[in-house]
Amino acid sequence: MSGLTRTTLIECPRSQSDEGMANNNQNPSRWTNQTGDGIHLKPGDKISVHSSYVSEIGAEAGQIQIKGQELNASVEIETTDTTNSLYVDKLPSKFTLVEKENTKKQ
């Protein structure tokens, strides 16, 4: 089954978020959406965002101004690196040891 991709679309509008439903407008640029019983990932699964959009009532002309802060400093992110070890051809995953390590990068 390798090479197959399962695509899942997740819609997360602010109007349906925890904050939107509670009329919490303290920080309208942040919100949380519930995804039922969550998104279950298995070792080796990859997540990517292929597209996103901003929709606002009154912006039919196609222009939305997004105000933000300029980041003058570098931003530190944390990534998880994976190393496959101990190859065993008889196993479905082909590896008996998968090592993961979190690293911080600028």
Protein backbone atom coordinates (compact mmCIF):
# COMPACT_ATOMS: atom_id res chain seq x y z
CA MET A 1 0.00 0.00 0.00
CA SER A 2 2.93 2.37 -0.08
CA GLY A 3 2.55 5.36 -2.34
CA LEU A 4 -1.11 5.91 -1.54
CA THR A 5 -2.20 9.21 -0.04
CA ARG A 6 -5.28 9.68 2.09
CA THR A 7 -6.52 13.25 1.99
CA THR A 8 -8.59 14.61 4.86
CA LEU A 9 -10.12 18.07 4.65
CA ILE A 10 -10.52 19.89 7.94
CA GLU A 11 -12.61 23.04 8.08
CA CYS A 12 -11.97 25.22 11.12
CA PRO A 13 -13.97 28.48 10.89
CA ARG A 14 -13.74 30.84 13.82
CA SER A 15 -17.54 31.11 13.93
CA GLN A 16 -17.71 27.42 14.90
CA SER A 17 -14.75 27.53 17.30
CA ASP A 18 -14.87 27.33 21.10
CA GLU A 19 -14.09 31.05 21.29
CA GLY A 20 -16.58 32.03 18.58
CA MET A 21 -19.44 30.08 20.16
CA ALA A 22 -18.70 31.72 23.54
CA ASN A 23 -18.41 35.22 21.97
CA ASN A 24 -14.86 35.44 23.31
CA ASN A 25 -13.30 38.18 21.19
CA GLN A 26 -10.27 38.85 23.38
CA ASN A 27 -7.91 37.76 20.60
CA PRO A 28 -9.87 37.21 17.35
CA SER A 29 -6.77 35.94 15.53
CA ARG A 30 -6.57 32.79 17.72
CA TRP A 31 -9.19 30.09 18.08
CA THR A 32 -9.62 26.41 18.78
CA ASN A 33 -11.79 23.97 16.85
CA GLN A 34 -12.75 20.51 18.08
CA THR A 35 -12.20 17.60 15.67
CA GLY A 36 -14.54 15.00 17.14
CA ASP A 37 -12.42 12.28 18.69
CA GLY A 38 -9.26 13.89 17.31
CA ILE A 39 -6.93 13.07 14.46
CA HIS A 40 -5.17 9.74 15.00
CA LEU A 41 -1.67 9.49 13.57
CA LYS A 42 0.48 6.40 13.13
CA PRO A 43 4.29 6.27 12.99
CA GLY A 44 5.37 7.53 9.60
CA ASP A 45 2.25 9.61 8.95
CA LYS A 46 2.92 13.05 7.52
CA ILE A 47 0.77 16.16 7.80
CA SER A 48 0.94 19.07 5.40
CA VAL A 49 -1.15 22.14 4.63
CA HIS A 50 -1.76 22.46 0.92
CA SER A 51 -3.87 25.59 0.99
CA SER A 52 -5.74 27.96 3.24
CA TYR A 53 -7.83 31.06 2.79
CA VAL A 54 -9.22 34.05 4.65
CA SER A 55 -12.87 34.87 4.18
CA GLU A 56 -14.45 38.01 5.61
CA ILE A 57 -17.89 39.51 5.11
CA GLY A 58 -17.59 42.72 3.09
CA ALA A 59 -14.37 41.69 1.34
CA GLU A 60 -16.01 40.71 -1.94
CA ALA A 61 -13.69 43.12 -3.78
CA GLY A 62 -10.89 40.68 -3.02
CA GLN A 63 -8.87 42.76 -0.57
CA ILE A 64 -8.34 41.95 3.09
CA GLN A 65 -5.81 43.87 5.12
CA ILE A 66 -4.03 41.80 7.73
CA LYS A 67 -2.25 43.82 10.36
CA GLY A 68 0.60 42.14 12.14
CA GLN A 69 3.91 42.62 13.79
CA GLU A 70 7.18 42.66 11.93
CA LEU A 71 9.51 40.02 13.25
CA ASN A 72 12.94 41.59 13.53
CA ALA A 73 14.40 38.59 15.31
CA SER A 74 14.70 35.02 14.18
CA VAL A 75 12.00 32.58 15.21
CA GLU A 76 12.80 29.29 16.93
CA ILE A 77 10.78 26.24 15.86
CA GLU A 78 10.87 22.68 17.14
CA THR A 79 10.93 19.78 14.69
CA THR A 80 10.92 16.03 15.14
CA ASP A 81 13.60 14.11 13.26
CA THR A 82 13.07 10.39 12.58
CA THR A 83 15.73 7.73 12.16
CA ASN A 84 14.79 4.18 11.10
CA SER A 85 17.03 1.49 12.60
CA LEU A 86 17.17 -2.32 12.71
CA TYR A 87 15.74 -3.23 9.31
CA VAL A 88 13.65 -6.44 9.28
CA ASP A 89 12.16 -7.32 5.88
CA LYS A 90 9.44 -9.60 7.33
CA LEU A 91 7.73 -6.80 9.28
CA PRO A 92 5.03 -4.62 7.66
CA SER A 93 6.80 -1.45 8.77
CA LYS A 94 10.23 -2.97 7.84
CA PHE A 95 11.86 -1.50 10.96
CA THR A 96 11.85 -2.73 14.57
CA LEU A 97 13.32 0.48 15.96
CA VAL A 98 12.28 3.99 14.98
CA GLU A 99 14.13 6.72 16.84
CA LYS A 100 12.64 10.20 17.15
CA GLU A 101 14.39 13.29 18.40
CA ASN A 102 13.07 16.82 18.87
CA THR A 103 15.44 19.54 17.71
CA LYS A 104 15.13 23.30 17.82
CA LYS A 105 16.01 25.32 14.75
CA GLN A 106 16.12 29.02 13.92
